[in-house]
């Protein structure tokens, strides 16, 4: 199985777990005299099994990421960490940009006036550059995921 396929399976397992939790939340408490629509014990068993399967899959994915070279001396895990750094920095700068862009109108001379302490075009340019870097790196990661076999031990 390719790493990309394992990542799709991971997302499917995560969705399945979320659905099982929702279904369980609807049947763990019923009115006296009523019968739950589904057996909570069966759903709990399915949830336990799904979480175990997800855990095993994640271990394989993490092992594959750790042992797969992305480029000379750089593992796929290293590149994933770099991608995370880029998106965190981009999101932080975007939040600052949004805060600086909020317009506050003054209605009289006695109101306190605010001014920006940063240059919005410069910050927007940084956000755009980080967004581009993220997209390009993410594409390369996705491409690599389709060429790597999942380590199954």
Protein backbone atom coordinates (compact mmCIF):
# COMPACT_ATOMS: atom_id res chain seq x y z
CA UNK A 1 0.00 0.00 0.00
CA UNK A 2 1.24 3.49 -0.82
CA UNK A 3 1.62 6.10 1.91
CA UNK A 4 -1.02 8.26 0.22
CA UNK A 5 -3.54 5.42 0.43
CA UNK A 6 -2.77 4.97 4.12
CA UNK A 7 -3.40 8.69 4.66
CA UNK A 8 -6.80 8.34 2.98
CA UNK A 9 -7.57 5.35 5.21
CA UNK A 10 -6.51 7.39 8.26
CA UNK A 11 -8.98 10.14 7.34
CA UNK A 12 -11.70 7.52 6.81
CA UNK A 13 -11.00 5.97 10.22
CA UNK A 14 -11.10 9.39 11.87
CA UNK A 15 -14.50 10.07 10.25
CA UNK A 16 -15.76 6.65 11.32
CA UNK A 17 -14.70 7.31 14.92
CA UNK A 18 -16.44 10.70 14.90
CA UNK A 19 -19.63 9.09 13.55
CA UNK A 20 -19.51 6.32 16.14
CA UNK A 21 -19.12 8.90 18.91
CA UNK A 22 -22.14 10.81 17.58
CA UNK A 23 -24.21 7.64 17.37
CA UNK A 24 -23.18 6.69 20.89
CA UNK A 25 -24.09 10.10 22.27
CA UNK A 26 -27.63 9.61 20.91
CA UNK A 27 -28.16 6.23 22.61
CA UNK A 28 -26.31 6.37 25.93
CA UNK A 29 -29.31 7.94 27.64
CA UNK A 30 -32.97 7.26 26.89
CA UNK A 31 -36.20 7.90 28.70
CA UNK A 32 -37.36 5.28 31.13
CA UNK A 33 -39.28 2.62 29.27
CA UNK A 34 -37.70 3.45 25.90
CA UNK A 35 -35.25 1.26 24.03
CA UNK A 36 -32.20 2.84 22.35
CA UNK A 37 -32.21 2.81 18.55
CA UNK A 38 -28.84 1.00 18.59
CA UNK A 39 -27.13 -1.22 21.13
CA UNK A 40 -24.55 0.96 22.93
CA UNK A 41 -22.40 -2.08 23.76
CA UNK A 42 -22.03 -2.92 20.08
CA UNK A 43 -21.23 0.69 19.24
CA UNK A 44 -18.65 0.83 22.06
CA UNK A 45 -17.04 -2.31 20.70
CA UNK A 46 -16.92 -0.83 17.19
CA UNK A 47 -15.46 2.40 18.59
CA UNK A 48 -12.77 0.50 20.49
CA UNK A 49 -11.88 -1.48 17.36
CA UNK A 50 -11.80 1.63 15.15
CA UNK A 51 -9.54 3.50 17.58
CA UNK A 52 -7.19 0.51 17.73
CA UNK A 53 -7.07 0.28 13.94
CA UNK A 54 -6.41 4.00 13.66
CA UNK A 55 -3.60 3.75 16.19
CA UNK A 56 -1.90 0.96 14.24
CA UNK A 57 -2.24 2.87 10.99
CA UNK A 58 -0.80 6.04 12.53
CA UNK A 59 2.19 4.09 13.84
CA UNK A 60 2.89 2.79 10.33
CA UNK A 61 2.48 6.25 8.80
CA UNK A 62 4.78 7.83 11.39
CA UNK A 63 7.39 5.12 10.90
CA UNK A 64 7.24 5.56 7.13
CA UNK A 65 7.57 9.34 7.46
CA UNK A 66 10.55 8.94 9.79
CA UNK A 67 12.45 6.52 7.56
CA UNK A 68 11.63 8.00 4.14
CA UNK A 69 14.12 10.45 2.71
CA UNK A 70 12.51 13.45 1.08
CA UNK A 71 15.79 14.87 -0.10
CA UNK A 72 19.47 14.54 0.84
CA UNK A 73 19.58 14.21 4.65
CA UNK A 74 15.96 15.34 5.11
CA UNK A 75 13.20 12.90 6.04
CA UNK A 76 9.57 13.19 5.15
CA UNK A 77 8.88 13.78 8.86
CA UNK A 78 11.27 16.77 8.76
CA UNK A 79 9.45 18.22 5.77
CA UNK A 80 6.06 17.73 7.43
CA UNK A 81 7.33 19.67 10.44
CA UNK A 82 8.53 22.43 8.12
CA UNK A 83 5.12 22.53 6.40
CA UNK A 84 3.47 22.85 9.83
CA UNK A 85 5.84 25.70 10.72
CA UNK A 86 4.95 27.53 7.51
CA UNK A 87 1.19 27.24 8.05
CA UNK A 88 1.44 28.28 11.72
CA UNK A 89 3.47 31.36 10.80
CA UNK A 90 1.08 32.16 7.95
CA UNK A 91 -1.97 31.83 10.21
CA UNK A 92 -0.37 33.99 12.93
CA UNK A 93 0.51 36.73 10.45
CA UNK A 94 -2.95 36.53 8.89
CA UNK A 95 -4.56 37.02 12.33
CA UNK A 96 -2.33 40.06 12.92
CA UNK A 97 -3.26 41.35 9.48
CA UNK A 98 -6.96 40.99 10.25
CA UNK A 99 -6.56 42.79 13.59
CA UNK A 100 -4.67 45.64 11.93
CA UNK A 101 -7.25 45.91 9.15
CA UNK A 102 -10.24 46.47 11.44
CA UNK A 103 -11.53 49.95 10.85
CA UNK A 104 -12.48 52.04 13.86
CA UNK A 105 -14.37 55.18 13.01
CA UNK A 106 -14.13 58.21 15.25
CA UNK A 107 -17.39 60.12 15.58
CA UNK A 108 -16.15 63.13 17.51
CA UNK A 109 -12.91 64.92 18.28
CA UNK A 110 -12.90 63.68 21.86
CA UNK A 111 -12.73 60.01 20.87
CA UNK A 112 -9.41 58.24 20.97
CA UNK A 113 -7.93 57.66 17.57
CA UNK A 114 -6.00 54.53 16.70
CA UNK A 115 -3.22 54.11 14.19
CA UNK A 116 -1.52 51.06 12.73
CA UNK A 117 1.95 50.18 13.90
CA UNK A 118 2.63 47.86 10.98
CA UNK A 119 2.56 48.17 7.22
CA UNK A 120 -0.39 46.17 5.90
CA UNK A 121 0.89 45.73 2.32
CA UNK A 122 4.21 44.39 3.62
CA UNK A 123 2.46 41.98 5.99
CA UNK A 124 0.07 40.87 3.24
CA UNK A 125 3.04 40.18 1.02
CA UNK A 126 4.55 37.96 3.73
CA UNK A 127 1.24 36.10 4.13
CA UNK A 128 1.02 35.59 0.38
CA UNK A 129 4.60 34.33 0.23
CA UNK A 130 4.02 31.85 3.05
CA UNK A 131 0.80 30.67 1.39
CA UNK A 132 2.68 30.04 -1.83
CA UNK A 133 5.49 28.21 -0.02
CA UNK A 134 2.94 26.05 1.78
CA UNK A 135 1.12 25.13 -1.44
CA UNK A 136 4.33 24.28 -3.27
CA UNK A 137 5.70 22.19 -0.40
CA UNK A 138 2.37 20.45 0.15
CA UNK A 139 2.25 19.51 -3.54
CA UNK A 140 5.74 17.98 -3.33
CA UNK A 141 4.75 16.07 -0.20
CA UNK A 142 1.60 14.72 -1.88
CA UNK A 143 3.67 13.71 -4.89
CA UNK A 144 6.14 11.85 -2.65
CA UNK A 145 3.30 10.13 -0.77
CA UNK A 146 2.22 8.40 -3.99
CA UNK A 147 5.71 7.02 -4.62
CA UNK A 148 6.44 5.63 -1.14
CA UNK A 149 5.31 2.27 0.16
CA UNK A 150 3.93 2.17 3.69
CA UNK A 151 6.28 0.44 6.15
CA UNK A 152 4.11 -2.40 7.39
CA UNK A 153 6.10 -3.64 10.38
